[in-house]
Amino acid sequence: DGSPLKTSLALFRSCGVDIVLAETHIGYTD
């Protein structure tokens, strides 16, 4: 619900980094 458009997010951990993956084009403002 952090985007006006419905979107799914995943958190993928690899090589010591927690990576946010977004299904739609979002901004990382918050």
All heavy atoms as atom14 arrays in JSON, in Angstrom:
{
  "sequence": "DGSPLKTSLALFRSCGVDIVLAETHIGYTD",
  "atom14_mask": [
    [1, 1, 1, 1, 1, 1, 1, 1, 0, 0, 0, 0, 0, 0],
    [1, 1, 1, 1, 0, 0, 0, 0, 0, 0, 0, 0, 0, 0],
    [1, 1, 1, 1, 1, 1, 0, 0, 0, 0, 0, 0, 0, 0],
    [1, 1, 1, 1, 1, 1, 1, 0, 0, 0, 0, 0, 0, 0],
    [1, 1, 1, 1, 1, 1, 1, 1, 0, 0, 0, 0, 0, 0],
    [1, 1, 1, 1, 1, 1, 1, 1, 1, 0, 0, 0, 0, 0],
    [1, 1, 1, 1, 1, 1, 1, 0, 0, 0, 0, 0, 0, 0],
    [1, 1, 1, 1, 1, 1, 0, 0, 0, 0, 0, 0, 0, 0],
    [1, 1, 1, 1, 1, 1, 1, 1, 0, 0, 0, 0, 0, 0],
    [1, 1, 1, 1, 1, 0, 0, 0, 0, 0, 0, 0, 0, 0],
    [1, 1, 1, 1, 1, 1, 1, 1, 0, 0, 0, 0, 0, 0],
    [1, 1, 1, 1, 1, 1, 1, 1, 1, 1, 1, 0, 0, 0],
    [1, 1, 1, 1, 1, 1, 1, 1, 1, 1, 1, 0, 0, 0],
    [1, 1, 1, 1, 1, 1, 0, 0, 0, 0, 0, 0, 0, 0],
    [1, 1, 1, 1, 1, 1, 0, 0, 0, 0, 0, 0, 0, 0],
    [1, 1, 1, 1, 0, 0, 0, 0, 0, 0, 0, 0, 0, 0],
    [1, 1, 1, 1, 1, 1, 1, 0, 0, 0, 0, 0, 0, 0],
    [1, 1, 1, 1, 1, 1, 1, 1, 0, 0, 0, 0, 0, 0],
    [1, 1, 1, 1, 1, 1, 1, 1, 0, 0, 0, 0, 0, 0],
    [1, 1, 1, 1, 1, 1, 1, 0, 0, 0, 0, 0, 0, 0],
    [1, 1, 1, 1, 1, 1, 1, 1, 0, 0, 0, 0, 0, 0],
    [1, 1, 1, 1, 1, 0, 0, 0, 0, 0, 0, 0, 0, 0],
    [1, 1, 1, 1, 1, 1, 1, 1, 1, 0, 0, 0, 0, 0],
    [1, 1, 1, 1, 1, 1, 1, 0, 0, 0, 0, 0, 0, 0],
    [1, 1, 1, 1, 1, 1, 1, 1, 1, 1, 0, 0, 0, 0],
    [1, 1, 1, 1, 1, 1, 1, 1, 0, 0, 0, 0, 0, 0],
    [1, 1, 1, 1, 0, 0, 0, 0, 0, 0, 0, 0, 0, 0],
    [1, 1, 1, 1, 1, 1, 1, 1, 1, 1, 1, 1, 0, 0],
    [1, 1, 1, 1, 1, 1, 1, 0, 0, 0, 0, 0, 0, 0],
    [1, 1, 1, 1, 1, 1, 1, 1, 0, 0, 0, 0, 0, 0]
  ],
  "atom14_positions": [
    [[0.81, -1.22, 0.0], [0.0, 0.0, 0.0], [0.84, 1.27, 0.0], [0.33, 2.36, 0.17], [-0.96, 0.01, 1.2], [-0.24, -0.03, 2.54], [1.02, 0.04, 2.56], [-0.93, -0.16, 3.57], [0.0, 0.0, 0.0], [0.0, 0.0, 0.0], [0.0, 0.0, 0.0], [0.0, 0.0, 0.0], [0.0, 0.0, 0.0], [0.0, 0.0, 0.0]],
    [[2.16, 1.13, -0.22], [3.01, 2.31, -0.28], [3.04, 2.97, -1.65], [3.75, 3.95, -1.85], [0.0, 0.0, 0.0], [0.0, 0.0, 0.0], [0.0, 0.0, 0.0], [0.0, 0.0, 0.0], [0.0, 0.0, 0.0], [0.0, 0.0, 0.0], [0.0, 0.0, 0.0], [0.0, 0.0, 0.0], [0.0, 0.0, 0.0], [0.0, 0.0, 0.0]],
    [[2.28, 2.43, -2.59], [2.21, 2.98, -3.94], [0.75, 3.13, -4.32], [-0.08, 2.29, -3.95], [2.92, 2.05, -4.93], [2.65, 2.42, -6.26], [0.0, 0.0, 0.0], [0.0, 0.0, 0.0], [0.0, 0.0, 0.0], [0.0, 0.0, 0.0], [0.0, 0.0, 0.0], [0.0, 0.0, 0.0], [0.0, 0.0, 0.0], [0.0, 0.0, 0.0]],
    [[0.4, 4.2, -5.07], [-1.0, 4.34, -5.49], [-1.46, 3.23, -6.42], [-2.65, 2.97, -6.53], [-1.03, 5.71, -6.19], [0.39, 6.03, -6.5], [1.22, 5.35, -5.48], [0.0, 0.0, 0.0], [0.0, 0.0, 0.0], [0.0, 0.0, 0.0], [0.0, 0.0, 0.0], [0.0, 0.0, 0.0], [0.0, 0.0, 0.0], [0.0, 0.0, 0.0]],
    [[-0.52, 2.58, -7.11], [-0.86, 1.44, -7.96], [-0.59, 0.15, -7.2], [0.38, 0.04, -6.46], [-0.01, 1.46, -9.24], [-0.19, 2.66, -10.17], [0.8, 2.58, -11.31], [-1.6, 2.74, -10.69], [0.0, 0.0, 0.0], [0.0, 0.0, 0.0], [0.0, 0.0, 0.0], [0.0, 0.0, 0.0], [0.0, 0.0, 0.0], [0.0, 0.0, 0.0]],
    [[-1.46, -0.84, -7.38], [-1.24, -2.12, -6.73], [0.05, -2.74, -7.24], [0.29, -2.83, -8.45], [-2.41, -3.07, -7.0], [-3.66, -2.72, -6.21], [-4.73, -3.81, -6.35], [-5.94, -3.5, -5.49], [-6.97, -4.56, -5.6], [0.0, 0.0, 0.0], [0.0, 0.0, 0.0], [0.0, 0.0, 0.0], [0.0, 0.0, 0.0], [0.0, 0.0, 0.0]],
    [[0.9, -3.14, -6.31], [2.17, -3.74, -6.7], [2.59, -4.76, -5.67], [2.18, -4.69, -4.51], [3.26, -2.67, -6.85], [4.43, -3.26, -7.41], [3.63, -2.06, -5.51], [0.0, 0.0, 0.0], [0.0, 0.0, 0.0], [0.0, 0.0, 0.0], [0.0, 0.0, 0.0], [0.0, 0.0, 0.0], [0.0, 0.0, 0.0], [0.0, 0.0, 0.0]],
    [[3.39, -5.7, -6.09], [3.97, -6.69, -5.18], [5.45, -6.4, -5.02], [6.12, -5.94, -5.96], [3.77, -8.11, -5.72], [2.39, -8.43, -5.78], [0.0, 0.0, 0.0], [0.0, 0.0, 0.0], [0.0, 0.0, 0.0], [0.0, 0.0, 0.0], [0.0, 0.0, 0.0], [0.0, 0.0, 0.0], [0.0, 0.0, 0.0], [0.0, 0.0, 0.0]],
    [[5.95, -6.67, -3.82], [7.36, -6.49, -3.51], [7.92, -7.8, -2.99], [7.24, -8.56, -2.31], [7.58, -5.42, -2.45], [7.12, -3.98, -2.71], [7.43, -3.11, -1.5], [7.77, -3.42, -3.95], [0.0, 0.0, 0.0], [0.0, 0.0, 0.0], [0.0, 0.0, 0.0], [0.0, 0.0, 0.0], [0.0, 0.0, 0.0], [0.0, 0.0, 0.0]],
    [[9.2, -8.05, -3.32], [9.91, -9.19, -2.76], [11.22, -8.7, -2.18], [11.8, -7.71, -2.65], [10.17, -10.25, -3.83], [0.0, 0.0, 0.0], [0.0, 0.0, 0.0], [0.0, 0.0, 0.0], [0.0, 0.0, 0.0], [0.0, 0.0, 0.0], [0.0, 0.0, 0.0], [0.0, 0.0, 0.0], [0.0, 0.0, 0.0], [0.0, 0.0, 0.0]],
    [[11.69, -9.38, -1.15], [13.01, -9.11, -0.58], [13.86, -10.35, -0.82], [13.57, -11.44, -0.31], [12.92, -8.8, 0.91], [14.23, -8.32, 1.55], [14.57, -6.91, 1.07], [14.14, -8.35, 3.08], [0.0, 0.0, 0.0], [0.0, 0.0, 0.0], [0.0, 0.0, 0.0], [0.0, 0.0, 0.0], [0.0, 0.0, 0.0], [0.0, 0.0, 0.0]],
    [[14.9, -10.17, -1.62], [15.77, -11.27, -2.02], [17.16, -11.02, -1.46], [17.76, -9.97, -1.71], [15.82, -11.37, -3.55], [16.67, -12.49, -4.07], [16.28, -13.82, -3.9], [17.85, -12.23, -4.76], [17.05, -14.86, -4.39], [18.62, -13.26, -5.27], [18.24, -14.58, -5.08], [0.0, 0.0, 0.0], [0.0, 0.0, 0.0], [0.0, 0.0, 0.0]],
    [[17.65, -11.96, -0.66], [18.97, -11.81, -0.04], [20.0, -12.64, -0.79], [19.86, -13.85, -0.95], [18.93, -12.23, 1.42], [20.29, -12.06, 2.13], [20.18, -12.27, 3.64], [21.47, -12.12, 4.29], [22.03, -10.96, 4.59], [21.39, -9.84, 4.29], [23.21, -10.89, 5.17], [0.0, 0.0, 0.0], [0.0, 0.0, 0.0], [0.0, 0.0, 0.0]],
    [[21.06, -11.95, -1.25], [22.12, -12.63, -1.99], [23.42, -11.87, -1.8], [23.42, -10.62, -1.79], [21.78, -12.71, -3.48], [22.8, -13.37, -4.21], [0.0, 0.0, 0.0], [0.0, 0.0, 0.0], [0.0, 0.0, 0.0], [0.0, 0.0, 0.0], [0.0, 0.0, 0.0], [0.0, 0.0, 0.0], [0.0, 0.0, 0.0], [0.0, 0.0, 0.0]],
    [[24.51, -12.6, -1.59], [25.85, -12.0, -1.45], [25.9, -10.95, -0.35], [26.59, -9.92, -0.47], [26.3, -11.4, -2.77], [26.34, -12.55, -4.15], [0.0, 0.0, 0.0], [0.0, 0.0, 0.0], [0.0, 0.0, 0.0], [0.0, 0.0, 0.0], [0.0, 0.0, 0.0], [0.0, 0.0, 0.0], [0.0, 0.0, 0.0], [0.0, 0.0, 0.0]],
    [[25.14, -11.15, 0.72], [25.17, -10.24, 1.85], [24.34, -9.0, 1.68], [24.41, -8.08, 2.5], [0.0, 0.0, 0.0], [0.0, 0.0, 0.0], [0.0, 0.0, 0.0], [0.0, 0.0, 0.0], [0.0, 0.0, 0.0], [0.0, 0.0, 0.0], [0.0, 0.0, 0.0], [0.0, 0.0, 0.0], [0.0, 0.0, 0.0], [0.0, 0.0, 0.0]],
    [[23.51, -8.95, 0.63], [22.7, -7.76, 0.36], [21.23, -8.14, 0.32], [20.85, -9.1, -0.34], [23.11, -7.12, -1.0], [22.32, -5.84, -1.24], [24.61, -6.85, -1.05], [0.0, 0.0, 0.0], [0.0, 0.0, 0.0], [0.0, 0.0, 0.0], [0.0, 0.0, 0.0], [0.0, 0.0, 0.0], [0.0, 0.0, 0.0], [0.0, 0.0, 0.0]],
    [[20.39, -7.38, 1.03], [18.94, -7.53, 0.97], [18.41, -6.62, -0.12], [18.46, -5.39, 0.01], [18.3, -7.19, 2.31], [18.56, -8.25, 3.37], [18.52, -9.44, 3.04], [18.82, -7.87, 4.53], [0.0, 0.0, 0.0], [0.0, 0.0, 0.0], [0.0, 0.0, 0.0], [0.0, 0.0, 0.0], [0.0, 0.0, 0.0], [0.0, 0.0, 0.0]],
    [[17.9, -7.22, -1.19], [17.53, -6.48, -2.39], [16.01, -6.41, -2.52], [15.33, -7.44, -2.53], [18.12, -7.16, -3.65], [19.63, -7.33, -3.5], [17.77, -6.37, -4.91], [20.21, -8.39, -4.42], [0.0, 0.0, 0.0], [0.0, 0.0, 0.0], [0.0, 0.0, 0.0], [0.0, 0.0, 0.0], [0.0, 0.0, 0.0], [0.0, 0.0, 0.0]],
    [[15.47, -5.2, -2.62], [14.04, -5.02, -2.87], [13.79, -5.17, -4.36], [14.43, -4.52, -5.19], [13.55, -3.65, -2.39], [12.06, -3.48, -2.71], [13.8, -3.47, -0.9], [0.0, 0.0, 0.0], [0.0, 0.0, 0.0], [0.0, 0.0, 0.0], [0.0, 0.0, 0.0], [0.0, 0.0, 0.0], [0.0, 0.0, 0.0], [0.0, 0.0, 0.0]],
    [[12.85, -6.05, -4.7], [12.41, -6.24, -6.08], [10.97, -5.76, -6.18], [10.13, -6.14, -5.36], [12.51, -7.71, -6.49], [13.9, -8.36, -6.37], [13.81, -9.86, -6.63], [14.89, -7.71, -7.32], [0.0, 0.0, 0.0], [0.0, 0.0, 0.0], [0.0, 0.0, 0.0], [0.0, 0.0, 0.0], [0.0, 0.0, 0.0], [0.0, 0.0, 0.0]],
    [[10.67, -4.94, -7.18], [9.34, -4.35, -7.32], [8.69, -4.81, -8.62], [9.33, -4.88, -9.67], [9.42, -2.84, -7.3], [0.0, 0.0, 0.0], [0.0, 0.0, 0.0], [0.0, 0.0, 0.0], [0.0, 0.0, 0.0], [0.0, 0.0, 0.0], [0.0, 0.0, 0.0], [0.0, 0.0, 0.0], [0.0, 0.0, 0.0], [0.0, 0.0, 0.0]],
    [[7.39, -5.09, -8.53], [6.64, -5.54, -9.7], [6.24, -4.38, -10.6], [5.97, -4.58, -11.79], [5.4, -6.31, -9.26], [4.71, -7.07, -10.38], [3.54, -7.89, -9.87], [2.97, -7.54, -8.81], [3.19, -8.89, -10.53], [0.0, 0.0, 0.0], [0.0, 0.0, 0.0], [0.0, 0.0, 0.0], [0.0, 0.0, 0.0], [0.0, 0.0, 0.0]],
    [[6.17, -3.17, -10.04], [5.88, -1.98, -10.83], [6.97, -0.95, -10.61], [7.82, -1.09, -9.73], [4.5, -1.38, -10.48], [4.5, -1.0, -9.11], [3.39, -2.37, -10.75], [0.0, 0.0, 0.0], [0.0, 0.0, 0.0], [0.0, 0.0, 0.0], [0.0, 0.0, 0.0], [0.0, 0.0, 0.0], [0.0, 0.0, 0.0], [0.0, 0.0, 0.0]],
    [[6.92, 0.1, -11.38], [7.92, 1.16, -11.33], [7.6, 2.08, -10.16], [6.66, 2.87, -10.22], [7.89, 1.93, -12.66], [9.02, 2.86, -12.86], [8.9, 4.22, -12.68], [10.31, 2.66, -13.25], [10.06, 4.8, -12.95], [10.93, 3.88, -13.3], [0.0, 0.0, 0.0], [0.0, 0.0, 0.0], [0.0, 0.0, 0.0], [0.0, 0.0, 0.0]],
    [[8.36, 1.98, -9.08], [8.1, 2.76, -7.88], [9.3, 3.63, -7.55], [10.4, 3.42, -8.05], [7.76, 1.85, -6.66], [8.98, 1.0, -6.28], [6.55, 0.98, -6.96], [8.82, 0.26, -4.97], [0.0, 0.0, 0.0], [0.0, 0.0, 0.0], [0.0, 0.0, 0.0], [0.0, 0.0, 0.0], [0.0, 0.0, 0.0], [0.0, 0.0, 0.0]],
    [[9.09, 4.6, -6.68], [10.19, 5.41, -6.17], [10.58, 4.95, -4.77], [9.74, 4.51, -4.0], [0.0, 0.0, 0.0], [0.0, 0.0, 0.0], [0.0, 0.0, 0.0], [0.0, 0.0, 0.0], [0.0, 0.0, 0.0], [0.0, 0.0, 0.0], [0.0, 0.0, 0.0], [0.0, 0.0, 0.0], [0.0, 0.0, 0.0], [0.0, 0.0, 0.0]],
    [[11.86, 5.08, -4.46], [12.37, 4.66, -3.15], [12.5, 5.89, -2.25], [13.58, 6.24, -1.78], [13.68, 3.9, -3.33], [13.42, 2.61, -4.06], [13.44, 2.56, -5.45], [13.05, 1.46, -3.37], [13.13, 1.4, -6.14], [12.73, 0.29, -4.05], [12.77, 0.27, -5.43], [12.45, -0.89, -6.1], [0.0, 0.0, 0.0], [0.0, 0.0, 0.0]],
    [[11.36, 6.5, -2.02], [11.32, 7.79, -1.34], [11.06, 7.69, 0.15], [11.24, 8.66, 0.87], [10.23, 8.68, -1.96], [8.97, 8.01, -1.86], [10.54, 8.95, -3.43], [0.0, 0.0, 0.0], [0.0, 0.0, 0.0], [0.0, 0.0, 0.0], [0.0, 0.0, 0.0], [0.0, 0.0, 0.0], [0.0, 0.0, 0.0], [0.0, 0.0, 0.0]],
    [[10.64, 6.52, 0.63], [10.24, 6.38, 2.02], [10.88, 5.14, 2.63], [10.91, 4.08, 1.98], [8.71, 6.29, 2.14], [8.22, 6.55, 3.55], [8.49, 5.71, 4.43], [7.58, 7.58, 3.76], [0.0, 0.0, 0.0], [0.0, 0.0, 0.0], [0.0, 0.0, 0.0], [0.0, 0.0, 0.0], [0.0, 0.0, 0.0], [0.0, 0.0, 0.0]]
  ]
}
